[in-house]
Amino acid sequence: TAKAMGYYTITGAAHYPPTTANYQKAVAIYKNGTQVSVGQFYGGASRTIIVTDMMGLAANDYLELFTLHLAGVDVTLVGASLSVHRSS
């Protein structure tokens, strides 16, 4: 939740286990319950999906990070992170 109005740089990441290497994955930033940015990756060896955006936030705006995979089986994330830095 933003403490003060301003512009913020937001970076979100989801880290998947090796079993998801060849499946589509996505990670998205939501602001006040609405999707505002999405990063996607399809297949390959990469298991970390990153999304970055800069946006204006008002005091009390809140951010959430969601991720999706299409592996077809249950998958437990290795980790996830959401970094928020006020620029001005």
N, C-alpha and C. Protein backbone atom coordinates (compact mmCIF):
# COMPACT_ATOMS: atom_id res chain seq x y z
N THR A 1 0.85 -1.18 0.00
CA THR A 1 0.00 0.00 0.00
C THR A 1 0.89 1.24 0.00
N ALA A 2 0.62 2.14 -0.94
CA ALA A 2 1.42 3.37 -1.04
C ALA A 2 1.15 4.28 0.15
N LYS A 3 2.20 4.79 0.74
CA LYS A 3 2.08 5.71 1.87
C LYS A 3 1.90 7.14 1.40
N ALA A 4 2.44 7.46 0.20
CA ALA A 4 2.39 8.83 -0.31
C ALA A 4 2.18 8.81 -1.82
N MET A 5 1.56 9.86 -2.34
CA MET A 5 1.37 10.00 -3.77
C MET A 5 2.73 10.19 -4.44
N GLY A 6 2.89 9.63 -5.63
CA GLY A 6 4.12 9.80 -6.38
C GLY A 6 4.25 8.76 -7.47
N TYR A 7 5.38 8.80 -8.17
CA TYR A 7 5.67 7.81 -9.19
C TYR A 7 6.56 6.73 -8.59
N TYR A 8 6.23 5.50 -8.90
CA TYR A 8 6.92 4.35 -8.32
C TYR A 8 7.40 3.41 -9.43
N THR A 9 8.58 2.83 -9.23
CA THR A 9 9.06 1.76 -10.09
C THR A 9 8.73 0.45 -9.39
N ILE A 10 8.02 -0.42 -10.11
CA ILE A 10 7.55 -1.68 -9.54
C ILE A 10 8.13 -2.83 -10.36
N THR A 11 8.71 -3.80 -9.68
CA THR A 11 9.23 -4.99 -10.34
C THR A 11 8.69 -6.22 -9.61
N GLY A 12 8.07 -7.10 -10.35
CA GLY A 12 7.56 -8.34 -9.79
C GLY A 12 8.22 -9.53 -10.48
N ALA A 13 8.42 -10.59 -9.73
CA ALA A 13 9.03 -11.80 -10.30
C ALA A 13 8.42 -13.04 -9.68
N ALA A 14 8.31 -14.08 -10.48
CA ALA A 14 7.88 -15.40 -10.01
C ALA A 14 8.94 -16.40 -10.46
N HIS A 15 9.35 -17.28 -9.56
CA HIS A 15 10.41 -18.24 -9.83
C HIS A 15 9.81 -19.66 -9.76
N TYR A 16 9.84 -20.34 -10.90
CA TYR A 16 9.25 -21.67 -11.01
C TYR A 16 10.30 -22.77 -10.94
N PRO A 17 9.90 -23.99 -10.55
CA PRO A 17 10.84 -25.12 -10.53
C PRO A 17 11.14 -25.62 -11.94
N PRO A 18 12.17 -26.45 -12.11
CA PRO A 18 12.56 -26.94 -13.44
C PRO A 18 11.45 -27.66 -14.20
N THR A 19 10.49 -28.23 -13.52
CA THR A 19 9.43 -28.99 -14.20
C THR A 19 8.55 -28.13 -15.09
N THR A 20 8.63 -26.79 -14.97
CA THR A 20 7.78 -25.92 -15.78
C THR A 20 8.55 -25.28 -16.94
N ALA A 21 9.77 -25.75 -17.21
CA ALA A 21 10.63 -25.09 -18.20
C ALA A 21 9.99 -24.96 -19.58
N ASN A 22 9.19 -25.90 -19.99
CA ASN A 22 8.63 -25.86 -21.35
C ASN A 22 7.17 -25.43 -21.42
N TYR A 23 6.68 -24.78 -20.38
CA TYR A 23 5.29 -24.36 -20.36
C TYR A 23 5.17 -22.85 -20.28
N GLN A 24 4.05 -22.34 -20.78
CA GLN A 24 3.81 -20.90 -20.73
C GLN A 24 3.58 -20.45 -19.30
N LYS A 25 4.19 -19.31 -18.97
CA LYS A 25 4.05 -18.73 -17.64
C LYS A 25 3.84 -17.23 -17.79
N ALA A 26 3.19 -16.62 -16.82
CA ALA A 26 2.98 -15.17 -16.83
C ALA A 26 2.99 -14.65 -15.41
N VAL A 27 3.36 -13.39 -15.26
CA VAL A 27 3.30 -12.71 -13.97
C VAL A 27 2.71 -11.33 -14.23
N ALA A 28 1.84 -10.87 -13.35
CA ALA A 28 1.14 -9.60 -13.57
C ALA A 28 1.10 -8.77 -12.31
N ILE A 29 1.16 -7.45 -12.51
CA ILE A 29 0.99 -6.49 -11.43
C ILE A 29 -0.44 -5.98 -11.49
N TYR A 30 -1.10 -5.99 -10.34
CA TYR A 30 -2.45 -5.45 -10.22
C TYR A 30 -2.40 -4.23 -9.32
N LYS A 31 -3.11 -3.18 -9.71
CA LYS A 31 -3.23 -1.96 -8.90
C LYS A 31 -4.69 -1.82 -8.50
N ASN A 32 -4.94 -1.80 -7.21
CA ASN A 32 -6.31 -1.68 -6.68
C ASN A 32 -7.25 -2.71 -7.29
N GLY A 33 -6.74 -3.93 -7.51
CA GLY A 33 -7.57 -5.03 -8.00
C GLY A 33 -7.69 -5.13 -9.51
N THR A 34 -7.01 -4.27 -10.27
CA THR A 34 -7.10 -4.27 -11.73
C THR A 34 -5.72 -4.51 -12.33
N GLN A 35 -5.64 -5.42 -13.30
CA GLN A 35 -4.36 -5.71 -13.94
C GLN A 35 -3.86 -4.48 -14.70
N VAL A 36 -2.58 -4.12 -14.47
CA VAL A 36 -2.00 -2.97 -15.16
C VAL A 36 -0.76 -3.33 -15.98
N SER A 37 -0.07 -4.42 -15.65
CA SER A 37 1.13 -4.83 -16.38
C SER A 37 1.26 -6.34 -16.34
N VAL A 38 1.75 -6.91 -17.45
CA VAL A 38 1.94 -8.36 -17.49
C VAL A 38 3.22 -8.70 -18.25
N GLY A 39 3.94 -9.68 -17.74
CA GLY A 39 5.12 -10.21 -18.42
C GLY A 39 4.88 -11.69 -18.68
N GLN A 40 5.15 -12.15 -19.89
CA GLN A 40 4.88 -13.54 -20.23
C GLN A 40 6.12 -14.21 -20.77
N PHE A 41 6.17 -15.52 -20.64
CA PHE A 41 7.26 -16.30 -21.19
C PHE A 41 6.70 -17.64 -21.64
N TYR A 42 7.12 -18.09 -22.79
CA TYR A 42 6.65 -19.38 -23.28
C TYR A 42 7.83 -20.31 -23.48
N GLY A 43 7.83 -21.43 -22.76
CA GLY A 43 8.80 -22.48 -22.96
C GLY A 43 10.24 -22.09 -22.67
N GLY A 44 11.15 -22.92 -23.14
CA GLY A 44 12.57 -22.66 -22.96
C GLY A 44 13.05 -23.01 -21.57
N ALA A 45 14.31 -22.71 -21.31
CA ALA A 45 14.94 -23.08 -20.05
C ALA A 45 14.63 -22.11 -18.91
N SER A 46 14.23 -20.88 -19.24
CA SER A 46 14.00 -19.88 -18.20
C SER A 46 12.83 -20.28 -17.30
N ARG A 47 13.04 -20.10 -16.01
CA ARG A 47 11.98 -20.42 -15.05
C ARG A 47 11.59 -19.19 -14.25
N THR A 48 12.23 -18.05 -14.50
CA THR A 48 11.91 -16.82 -13.78
C THR A 48 11.22 -15.85 -14.73
N ILE A 49 10.05 -15.38 -14.33
CA ILE A 49 9.28 -14.45 -15.13
C ILE A 49 9.28 -13.11 -14.40
N ILE A 50 9.58 -12.03 -15.14
CA ILE A 50 9.70 -10.71 -14.53
C ILE A 50 8.80 -9.71 -15.25
N VAL A 51 8.21 -8.82 -14.49
CA VAL A 51 7.43 -7.71 -15.04
C VAL A 51 7.87 -6.44 -14.32
N THR A 52 8.08 -5.36 -15.08
CA THR A 52 8.51 -4.09 -14.51
C THR A 52 7.66 -2.97 -15.10
N ASP A 53 7.32 -2.00 -14.27
CA ASP A 53 6.53 -0.86 -14.74
C ASP A 53 6.82 0.33 -13.84
N MET A 54 6.55 1.51 -14.36
CA MET A 54 6.60 2.73 -13.57
C MET A 54 5.20 3.32 -13.64
N MET A 55 4.65 3.66 -12.49
CA MET A 55 3.28 4.20 -12.49
C MET A 55 3.07 5.17 -11.35
N GLY A 56 2.09 6.01 -11.54
CA GLY A 56 1.69 6.93 -10.49
C GLY A 56 0.77 6.22 -9.51
N LEU A 57 1.03 6.43 -8.24
CA LEU A 57 0.17 5.87 -7.20
C LEU A 57 -0.29 7.00 -6.29
N ALA A 58 -1.51 6.91 -5.86
CA ALA A 58 -2.03 7.82 -4.84
C ALA A 58 -1.84 7.17 -3.48
N ALA A 59 -1.86 7.97 -2.44
CA ALA A 59 -1.79 7.41 -1.09
C ALA A 59 -2.91 6.39 -0.94
N ASN A 60 -2.59 5.24 -0.38
CA ASN A 60 -3.51 4.12 -0.12
C ASN A 60 -3.82 3.26 -1.34
N ASP A 61 -3.26 3.55 -2.52
CA ASP A 61 -3.35 2.59 -3.62
C ASP A 61 -2.59 1.34 -3.19
N TYR A 62 -3.05 0.17 -3.63
CA TYR A 62 -2.35 -1.06 -3.25
C TYR A 62 -1.99 -1.87 -4.49
N LEU A 63 -0.93 -2.63 -4.39
CA LEU A 63 -0.43 -3.46 -5.47
C LEU A 63 -0.48 -4.93 -5.07
N GLU A 64 -0.70 -5.79 -6.07
CA GLU A 64 -0.67 -7.23 -5.87
C GLU A 64 0.10 -7.86 -7.03
N LEU A 65 0.68 -9.01 -6.80
CA LEU A 65 1.38 -9.75 -7.83
C LEU A 65 0.69 -11.10 -8.01
N PHE A 66 0.32 -11.41 -9.25
CA PHE A 66 -0.30 -12.69 -9.56
C PHE A 66 0.55 -13.40 -10.60
N THR A 67 0.51 -14.73 -10.57
CA THR A 67 1.23 -15.51 -11.57
C THR A 67 0.35 -16.66 -12.04
N LEU A 68 0.64 -17.13 -13.25
CA LEU A 68 -0.13 -18.20 -13.88
C LEU A 68 0.83 -19.09 -14.64
N HIS A 69 0.60 -20.39 -14.62
CA HIS A 69 1.36 -21.32 -15.44
C HIS A 69 0.39 -22.27 -16.12
N LEU A 70 0.80 -22.80 -17.24
CA LEU A 70 -0.03 -23.76 -17.97
C LEU A 70 0.67 -25.11 -18.05
N ALA A 71 1.26 -25.54 -16.94
CA ALA A 71 1.98 -26.81 -16.89
C ALA A 71 1.05 -28.01 -16.87
N GLY A 72 -0.21 -27.81 -16.52
CA GLY A 72 -1.16 -28.91 -16.52
C GLY A 72 -1.13 -29.76 -15.25
N VAL A 73 -0.25 -29.43 -14.32
CA VAL A 73 -0.16 -30.14 -13.04
C VAL A 73 0.05 -29.09 -11.94
N ASP A 74 -0.16 -29.48 -10.69
CA ASP A 74 0.11 -28.57 -9.59
C ASP A 74 1.59 -28.24 -9.54
N VAL A 75 1.90 -26.97 -9.31
CA VAL A 75 3.28 -26.51 -9.24
C VAL A 75 3.42 -25.60 -8.03
N THR A 76 4.45 -25.82 -7.24
CA THR A 76 4.75 -24.95 -6.11
C THR A 76 5.87 -24.00 -6.53
N LEU A 77 5.62 -22.71 -6.39
CA LEU A 77 6.64 -21.72 -6.75
C LEU A 77 7.89 -21.90 -5.90
N VAL A 78 9.04 -21.64 -6.50
CA VAL A 78 10.29 -21.62 -5.77
C VAL A 78 10.37 -20.33 -4.96
N GLY A 79 9.79 -19.25 -5.50
CA GLY A 79 9.77 -17.96 -4.81
C GLY A 79 9.08 -16.91 -5.66
N ALA A 80 8.78 -15.81 -5.03
CA ALA A 80 8.17 -14.67 -5.72
C ALA A 80 8.59 -13.41 -4.98
N SER A 81 8.61 -12.29 -5.72
CA SER A 81 8.99 -11.03 -5.08
C SER A 81 8.28 -9.87 -5.76
N LEU A 82 8.05 -8.82 -4.98
CA LEU A 82 7.48 -7.58 -5.47
C LEU A 82 8.27 -6.45 -4.85
N SER A 83 8.95 -5.69 -5.70
CA SER A 83 9.79 -4.58 -5.24
C SER A 83 9.16 -3.26 -5.69
N VAL A 84 9.01 -2.32 -4.75
CA VAL A 84 8.37 -1.04 -5.05
C VAL A 84 9.27 0.08 -4.52
N HIS A 85 9.67 0.99 -5.44
CA HIS A 85 10.54 2.10 -5.06
C HIS A 85 9.94 3.42 -5.55
N ARG A 86 9.81 4.37 -4.65
CA ARG A 86 9.26 5.68 -5.02
C ARG A 86 10.33 6.49 -5.75
N SER A 87 9.98 6.99 -6.95
CA SER A 87 10.92 7.77 -7.75
C SER A 87 10.77 9.26 -7.49
N SER A 88 9.55 9.72 -7.29
CA SER A 88 9.33 11.15 -7.01
C SER A 88 8.02 11.35 -6.29
